[in-house]
C-alpha cells in the first residue's frame, strides 16, 4: 500500500551471513519505484547498515504476500536442513524486525535454540516441525504461501482466511484468524490434502 517493492532474500546457503549487517543475505529489501531506499528503512537508521534493508534474519522467505485490506505482510519461511530441529514458520512482516535465523527456528522460547532470545527476535504466528508423523517420510517440510482470500466465489466463512501449502507434504491448508483483527489463529484446516508438490498459490481474478 506504500507503493514500494518488497523482496525476501534467503541466506545463500551460508547462515553465518544472516546476522551480518554488511550483507543482504536473509533480509527483506524495500525500495521505491526508482530503486532507492526509503528514508524510514531500518538500514537507513544506523551506520554500517545497508540502506535497502527493511528487516532481516530469514533463512528462506520463499514466498510472501500482502493482505491489503488489513495491511499485513505474511512471510512463509522455509526451515533449515537439520531434520531434528528444523521448523517452518509464518511471520508477519515488520519494519526493523529480526526473525532470528540461524539462532532461531520456531517460537523464540524454543529450547532447541537457546540463543533465541524473545527480546531480540520476532516470533512467528505459526510454526511446525520437520520431524512429524504428518510428513510422508516421517520428516521434511517446505512451506509455500499463500494469500488471504478476498473473493466472492467461496462461502463467507472463507473471507479473510490465509491459504498456504506444502511442497514436501503436498497439501493446501487455510488458517482462520480471530475476528478482532489480531494475529490470533482460531483454527488451521485441511483444504486439499493431496495437492501434489505445491510451488505457488494465488487467487485468480474471478
Protein backbone atom coordinates (compact mmCIF):
# COMPACT_ATOMS: atom_id res chain seq x y z
CA UNK A 1 0.00 0.00 0.00
CA UNK A 2 3.03 2.29 0.29
CA UNK A 3 3.84 1.69 -3.41
CA UNK A 4 7.30 0.31 -2.55
CA UNK A 5 8.79 -3.00 -3.73
CA UNK A 6 9.50 -5.70 -1.13
CA UNK A 7 11.82 -8.64 -1.84
CA UNK A 8 12.53 -11.52 0.56
CA UNK A 9 16.03 -12.99 0.34
CA UNK A 10 17.48 -16.27 1.63
CA UNK A 11 20.79 -16.90 3.34
CA UNK A 12 22.65 -18.01 0.17
CA UNK A 13 23.21 -21.37 1.98
CA UNK A 14 25.62 -19.56 4.31
CA UNK A 15 23.82 -18.99 7.59
CA UNK A 16 26.76 -17.04 9.04
CA UNK A 17 25.80 -14.12 6.77
CA UNK A 18 22.27 -13.82 8.14
CA UNK A 19 23.02 -11.65 11.17
CA UNK A 20 25.81 -9.67 9.49
CA UNK A 21 24.75 -6.11 8.69
CA UNK A 22 27.22 -5.97 5.78
CA UNK A 23 25.27 -8.49 3.69
CA UNK A 24 21.86 -8.55 2.04
CA UNK A 25 21.52 -12.28 2.75
CA UNK A 26 18.42 -13.27 4.78
CA UNK A 27 16.93 -9.80 4.61
CA UNK A 28 13.80 -8.14 3.29
CA UNK A 29 14.73 -5.46 0.79
CA UNK A 30 12.43 -2.44 0.39
CA UNK A 31 12.94 0.10 -2.38
CA UNK A 32 10.79 2.72 -4.06
CA UNK A 33 9.78 2.73 -7.73
CA UNK A 34 13.11 4.32 -8.66
CA UNK A 35 15.12 1.64 -6.86
CA UNK A 36 16.05 3.96 -3.99
CA UNK A 37 15.86 3.12 -0.29
CA UNK A 38 13.01 4.92 1.53
CA UNK A 39 14.25 7.16 4.32
CA UNK A 40 12.44 5.16 7.04
CA UNK A 41 14.08 1.80 6.18
CA UNK A 42 15.83 0.00 9.03
CA UNK A 43 19.05 0.15 7.01
CA UNK A 44 18.91 3.94 6.83
CA UNK A 45 18.91 4.35 10.62
CA UNK A 46 22.43 3.29 11.55
CA UNK A 47 26.00 3.42 10.30
CA UNK A 48 27.36 0.27 8.70
CA UNK A 49 23.94 -0.93 7.55
CA UNK A 50 22.73 -1.47 4.00
CA UNK A 51 20.11 1.22 3.25
CA UNK A 52 17.75 -1.05 1.31
CA UNK A 53 17.26 -3.47 4.23
CA UNK A 54 13.80 -3.26 5.83
CA UNK A 55 14.07 -6.34 8.10
CA UNK A 56 16.39 -9.36 8.37
CA UNK A 57 17.03 -12.82 9.82
CA UNK A 58 15.14 -15.11 7.40
CA UNK A 59 16.56 -18.50 6.48
CA UNK A 60 14.49 -18.53 3.28
CA UNK A 61 11.40 -16.35 2.92
CA UNK A 62 10.42 -18.42 -0.10
CA UNK A 63 7.02 -16.83 -0.61
CA UNK A 64 5.37 -13.72 0.83
CA UNK A 65 2.07 -11.95 0.33
CA UNK A 66 0.26 -8.75 1.30
CA UNK A 67 -3.29 -8.62 2.56
CA UNK A 68 -4.12 -5.08 1.50
CA UNK A 69 -7.36 -4.97 3.47
CA UNK A 70 -5.53 -5.33 6.80
CA UNK A 71 -2.14 -4.05 5.54
CA UNK A 72 -0.42 -7.21 6.82
CA UNK A 73 2.62 -8.75 5.12
CA UNK A 74 2.81 -12.53 5.55
CA UNK A 75 6.18 -14.25 5.13
CA UNK A 76 6.48 -18.01 4.73
CA UNK A 77 9.92 -19.10 5.89
CA UNK A 78 11.33 -22.48 4.88
CA UNK A 79 13.31 -24.02 7.75
CA UNK A 80 16.81 -25.46 7.94
CA UNK A 81 18.17 -28.81 6.81
CA UNK A 82 18.75 -30.36 10.21
CA UNK A 83 15.65 -32.54 10.34
CA UNK A 84 15.92 -33.00 14.11
CA UNK A 85 15.43 -29.28 14.81
CA UNK A 86 14.09 -27.64 11.62
CA UNK A 87 10.75 -25.83 11.62
CA UNK A 88 8.61 -24.00 9.07
CA UNK A 89 7.44 -20.54 10.16
CA UNK A 90 4.83 -17.98 9.16
CA UNK A 91 5.80 -14.43 10.13
CA UNK A 92 4.17 -11.03 9.97
CA UNK A 93 6.44 -8.56 8.21
CA UNK A 94 7.50 -5.68 10.46
CA UNK A 95 9.85 -2.79 9.80
CA UNK A 96 13.15 -3.38 11.57
CA UNK A 97 12.25 -6.92 12.67
CA UNK A 98 14.89 -9.61 13.09
CA UNK A 99 13.49 -13.12 12.57
CA UNK A 100 16.48 -14.74 14.18
CA UNK A 101 17.99 -17.21 11.71
CA UNK A 102 20.25 -19.14 12.38
CA UNK A 103 19.76 -18.53 16.11
CA UNK A 104 16.02 -19.20 15.92
CA UNK A 105 13.58 -21.63 14.37
CA UNK A 106 10.03 -21.91 15.62
CA UNK A 107 8.94 -19.84 18.61
CA UNK A 108 11.52 -17.65 20.32
CA UNK A 109 11.40 -19.76 23.50
CA UNK A 110 12.20 -22.99 21.59
CA UNK A 111 14.61 -24.92 23.90
CA UNK A 112 16.37 -26.37 20.86
CA UNK A 113 17.65 -22.84 20.13
CA UNK A 114 18.83 -21.49 23.50
CA UNK A 115 20.35 -18.35 21.94
CA UNK A 116 16.98 -17.27 20.55
CA UNK A 117 16.09 -14.51 22.98
CA UNK A 118 12.47 -13.36 22.74
CA UNK A 119 13.57 -9.77 23.44
CA UNK A 120 15.71 -9.68 20.29
CA UNK A 121 13.89 -11.77 17.70
CA UNK A 122 10.40 -11.63 16.24
CA UNK A 123 8.14 -14.60 16.97
CA UNK A 124 6.27 -16.41 14.16
CA UNK A 125 2.50 -16.51 14.35
CA UNK A 126 2.54 -20.19 13.32
CA UNK A 127 5.20 -22.89 13.17
CA UNK A 128 5.52 -26.66 12.69
CA UNK A 129 8.38 -29.13 12.88
CA UNK A 130 10.00 -31.19 10.13
CA UNK A 131 10.13 -34.46 12.07
CA UNK A 132 6.45 -35.28 12.34
CA UNK A 133 4.00 -38.11 11.67
CA UNK A 134 2.26 -35.80 9.15
CA UNK A 135 5.34 -35.97 6.90
CA UNK A 136 5.13 -38.77 4.29
CA UNK A 137 8.64 -39.96 5.18
CA UNK A 138 8.42 -39.03 8.85
CA UNK A 139 10.38 -35.83 8.31
CA UNK A 140 10.93 -32.91 5.92
CA UNK A 141 8.79 -29.89 5.05
CA UNK A 142 8.79 -26.87 2.74
CA UNK A 143 6.10 -24.27 3.38
CA UNK A 144 4.64 -22.43 0.39
CA UNK A 145 2.50 -19.28 0.76
CA UNK A 146 -0.16 -18.27 0.08
CA UNK A 147 -2.69 -15.46 0.10
CA UNK A 148 -5.55 -14.10 2.16
CA UNK A 149 -8.82 -14.86 0.40
CA UNK A 150 -10.81 -11.75 -0.57
CA UNK A 151 -13.02 -13.16 -3.32
CA UNK A 152 -16.74 -13.76 -3.71
CA UNK A 153 -16.98 -17.34 -5.04
CA UNK A 154 -16.32 -19.17 -1.78
CA UNK A 155 -18.74 -19.11 1.17
CA UNK A 156 -18.44 -16.13 3.51
CA UNK A 157 -16.69 -18.32 6.11
CA UNK A 158 -13.60 -18.25 3.86
CA UNK A 159 -13.43 -14.46 3.79
CA UNK A 160 -10.11 -13.31 5.26
CA UNK A 161 -8.60 -16.78 5.74
CA UNK A 162 -4.93 -17.38 4.88
CA UNK A 163 -4.26 -20.12 2.34
CA UNK A 164 -0.85 -21.82 2.28
CA UNK A 165 0.62 -25.07 1.04
CA UNK A 166 3.43 -27.59 1.29
CA UNK A 167 5.85 -28.75 -1.37
CA UNK A 168 7.13 -31.76 0.58
CA UNK A 169 3.91 -32.79 2.32
CA UNK A 170 1.79 -31.95 -0.71
CA UNK A 171 -1.20 -30.30 0.95
CA UNK A 172 -3.03 -26.98 0.92
CA UNK A 173 -4.40 -25.70 4.21
CA UNK A 174 -6.02 -22.49 5.42
CA UNK A 175 -6.00 -20.74 8.75
CA UNK A 176 -8.74 -18.66 10.32
CA UNK A 177 -7.96 -15.62 12.45
CA UNK A 178 -9.84 -14.15 15.37
CA UNK A 179 -12.35 -11.55 14.19
CA UNK A 180 -10.80 -8.72 16.24
CA UNK A 181 -8.11 -8.11 13.60
CA UNK A 182 -5.33 -9.62 15.70
CA UNK A 183 -2.90 -12.32 14.58
CA UNK A 184 -4.54 -14.87 16.86
CA UNK A 185 -5.26 -18.09 14.94
CA UNK A 186 -8.52 -19.84 15.83
CA UNK A 187 -8.11 -22.88 13.56
CA UNK A 188 -5.91 -24.50 10.91
CA UNK A 189 -7.86 -26.60 8.42
CA UNK A 190 -7.28 -29.00 5.54
CA UNK A 191 -8.36 -27.71 2.13
CA UNK A 192 -6.72 -30.13 -0.34
CA UNK A 193 -4.78 -32.89 1.46
CA UNK A 194 -3.31 -34.37 -1.75
CA UNK A 195 -2.48 -31.30 -3.86
CA UNK A 196 0.88 -32.63 -5.14
CA UNK A 197 4.13 -30.66 -5.00
CA UNK A 198 2.75 -27.16 -4.40
CA UNK A 199 5.10 -24.40 -5.55
CA UNK A 200 2.79 -21.38 -5.66
CA UNK A 201 -0.79 -20.46 -4.73
CA UNK A 202 -2.64 -17.41 -5.99
CA UNK A 203 -6.18 -16.10 -6.15
CA UNK A 204 -7.41 -15.70 -9.70
CA UNK A 205 -9.29 -12.60 -10.96
CA UNK A 206 -12.63 -14.44 -10.76
